[in-house]
C-alpha atoms as a PDB file:
ATOM      1  CA  MET A   1      87.711  90.896 100.093  1.00  0.00           C
ATOM      2  CA  LYS A   2      90.855  92.948  99.550  1.00  0.00           C
ATOM      3  CA  LEU A   3      92.136  94.383  96.295  1.00  0.00           C
ATOM      4  CA  ILE A   4      95.396  92.972  94.985  1.00  0.00           C
ATOM      5  CA  ARG A   5      97.394  93.378  91.815  1.00  0.00           C
ATOM      6  CA  PHE A   6      99.846  90.644  90.907  1.00  0.00           C
ATOM      7  CA  GLY A   7     102.527  89.867  88.342  1.00  0.00           C
ATOM      8  CA  GLU A   8     105.688  91.484  87.007  1.00  0.00           C
ATOM      9  CA  ALA A   9     106.435  95.047  88.074  1.00  0.00           C
ATOM     10  CA  GLY A  10     104.647  97.457  85.748  1.00  0.00           C
ATOM     11  CA  ARG A  11     102.505  94.656  84.262  1.00  0.00           C
ATOM     12  CA  GLU A  12     100.307  93.758  87.232  1.00  0.00           C
ATOM     13  CA  GLU A  13      96.846  92.272  86.774  1.00  0.00           C
ATOM     14  CA  PRO A  14      93.860  92.933  89.083  1.00  0.00           C
ATOM     15  CA  GLY A  15      92.751  90.344  91.591  1.00  0.00           C
ATOM     16  CA  VAL A  16      91.126  89.895  94.978  1.00  0.00           C
ATOM     17  CA  LEU A  17      92.243  88.346  98.232  1.00  0.00           C
ATOM     18  CA  LEU A  18      89.286  86.467  99.665  1.00  0.00           C
ATOM     19  CA  GLU A  19      88.563  86.043 103.365  1.00  0.00           C
ATOM     20  CA  ASP A  20      89.685  82.404 103.201  1.00  0.00           C
ATOM     21  CA  GLY A  21      93.135  83.524 101.953  1.00  0.00           C
ATOM     22  CA  ARG A  22      92.724  82.569  98.299  1.00  0.00           C
ATOM     23  CA  ARG A  23      93.951  85.025  95.685  1.00  0.00           C
ATOM     24  CA  MET A  24      91.649  85.176  92.666  1.00  0.00           C
ATOM     25  CA  ASP A  25      92.504  86.619  89.244  1.00  0.00           C
ATOM     26  CA  ALA A  26      89.911  89.277  88.322  1.00  0.00           C
ATOM     27  CA  SER A  27      91.503  90.304  85.012  1.00  0.00           C
ATOM     28  CA  GLY A  28      88.894  88.428  82.992  1.00  0.00           C
ATOM     29  CA  GLU A  29      86.181  90.722  84.375  1.00  0.00           C
ATOM     30  CA  PHE A  30      87.965  93.989  85.256  1.00  0.00           C
ATOM     31  CA  MET A  31      90.647  95.942  83.379  1.00  0.00           C
ATOM     32  CA  ASP A  32      92.484  97.408  86.390  1.00  0.00           C
ATOM     33  CA  TYR A  33      91.926  99.220  89.658  1.00  0.00           C
ATOM     34  CA  ASP A  34      92.374 102.806  88.502  1.00  0.00           C
ATOM     35  CA  GLU A  35      90.410 106.053  88.633  1.00  0.00           C
ATOM     36  CA  ALA A  36      87.962 104.888  85.940  1.00  0.00           C
ATOM     37  CA  PHE A  37      87.255 101.664  87.867  1.00  0.00           C
ATOM     38  CA  PHE A  38      86.283 103.581  91.013  1.00  0.00           C
ATOM     39  CA  ALA A  39      84.400 106.335  89.129  1.00  0.00           C
ATOM     40  CA  MET A  40      82.236 103.813  87.268  1.00  0.00           C
ATOM     41  CA  GLY A  41      81.071 101.844  90.333  1.00  0.00           C
ATOM     42  CA  GLY A  42      83.768  99.219  90.030  1.00  0.00           C
ATOM     43  CA  MET A  43      83.807  98.313  93.715  1.00  0.00           C
ATOM     44  CA  GLU A  44      80.122  97.489  93.681  1.00  0.00           C
ATOM     45  CA  SER A  45      80.538  95.360  90.541  1.00  0.00           C
ATOM     46  CA  LEU A  46      83.571  93.642  92.023  1.00  0.00           C
ATOM     47  CA  ALA A  47      81.756  92.886  95.295  1.00  0.00           C
ATOM     48  CA  GLU A  48      78.852  91.394  93.336  1.00  0.00           C
ATOM     49  CA  TRP A  49      81.259  89.279  91.255  1.00  0.00           C
ATOM     50  CA  VAL A  50      82.934  87.979  94.428  1.00  0.00           C
ATOM     51  CA  GLU A  51      79.542  87.286  96.027  1.00  0.00           C
ATOM     52  CA  GLN A  52      78.667  85.179  92.966  1.00  0.00           C
ATOM     53  CA  GLY A  53      81.790  83.079  93.588  1.00  0.00           C
ATOM     54  CA  CYS A  54      84.194  84.794  91.149  1.00  0.00           C
ATOM     55  CA  PRO A  55      82.784  83.098  88.022  1.00  0.00           C
ATOM     56  CA  GLY A  56      85.454  82.414  85.405  1.00  0.00           C
ATOM     57  CA  ALA A  57      88.324  83.309  87.743  1.00  0.00           C
ATOM     58  CA  THR A  58      91.404  81.218  88.368  1.00  0.00           C
ATOM     59  CA  GLU A  59      93.322  81.071  91.607  1.00  0.00           C
ATOM     60  CA  VAL A  60      96.594  83.034  91.698  1.00  0.00           C
ATOM     61  CA  ASP A  61      99.631  81.101  92.901  1.00  0.00           C
ATOM     62  CA  PRO A  62     100.559  82.337  96.396  1.00  0.00           C
ATOM     63  CA  MET A  63     104.196  82.649  95.262  1.00  0.00           C
ATOM     64  CA  VAL A  64     103.351  85.233  92.564  1.00  0.00           C
ATOM     65  CA  ARG A  65     104.580  88.757  93.312  1.00  0.00           C
ATOM     66  CA  LEU A  66     102.016  91.250  94.641  1.00  0.00           C
ATOM     67  CA  GLY A  67     102.277  94.839  93.483  1.00  0.00           C
ATOM     68  CA  PRO A  68     100.538  98.037  94.578  1.00  0.00           C
ATOM     69  CA  PRO A  69      96.781  97.396  94.891  1.00  0.00           C
ATOM     70  CA  ILE A  70      95.786 100.584  93.019  1.00  0.00           C
ATOM     71  CA  ALA A  71      97.081 101.508  89.560  1.00  0.00           C
ATOM     72  CA  ARG A  72      98.212 105.105  89.116  1.00  0.00           C
ATOM     73  CA  PRO A  73      96.469 106.749  92.102  1.00  0.00           C
ATOM     74  CA  SER A  74      95.744 110.424  91.463  1.00  0.00           C
ATOM     75  CA  LYS A  75      96.395 111.349  95.080  1.00  0.00           C
ATOM     76  CA  ILE A  76      97.477 109.865  98.378  1.00  0.00           C
ATOM     77  CA  VAL A  77      95.800 111.074 101.564  1.00  0.00           C
ATOM     78  CA  CYS A  78      97.508 110.505 104.913  1.00  0.00           C
ATOM     79  CA  VAL A  79      95.665 110.682 108.199  1.00  0.00           C
ATOM     80  CA  GLY A  80      97.288 110.386 111.588  1.00  0.00           C
ATOM     81  CA  GLN A  81      96.602 111.373 115.137  1.00  0.00           C
ATOM     82  CA  ASN A  82      99.894 113.255 115.356  1.00  0.00           C
ATOM     83  CA  TYR A  83     100.775 113.601 111.689  1.00  0.00           C
ATOM     84  CA  VAL A  84     103.414 116.313 112.320  1.00  0.00           C
ATOM     85  CA  GLU A  85     105.386 113.933 114.555  1.00  0.00           C
ATOM     86  CA  HIS A  86     105.202 111.145 111.951  1.00  0.00           C
ATOM     87  CA  ALA A  87     106.350 113.522 109.217  1.00  0.00           C
ATOM     88  CA  LYS A  88     109.434 114.487 111.246  1.00  0.00           C
END
């Protein structure tokens, strides 16, 4: 399972990309993938929902635009073997 957000820019909805390639709409169960989602155990709840077969979800058309998977991240951490060279 991978996190996705889909829809118009600035109005994305949360979803998941399943191992079989299907994109499932998770907006009926989860508000968005933001700091509150992660702080309140959202990943565990999402994994359980997916394990149950994504009850109530609809499949997202593969032609629908994908946006950034996380809404309003509070920080971005970069890790690299030779980060200084990449930064140059």
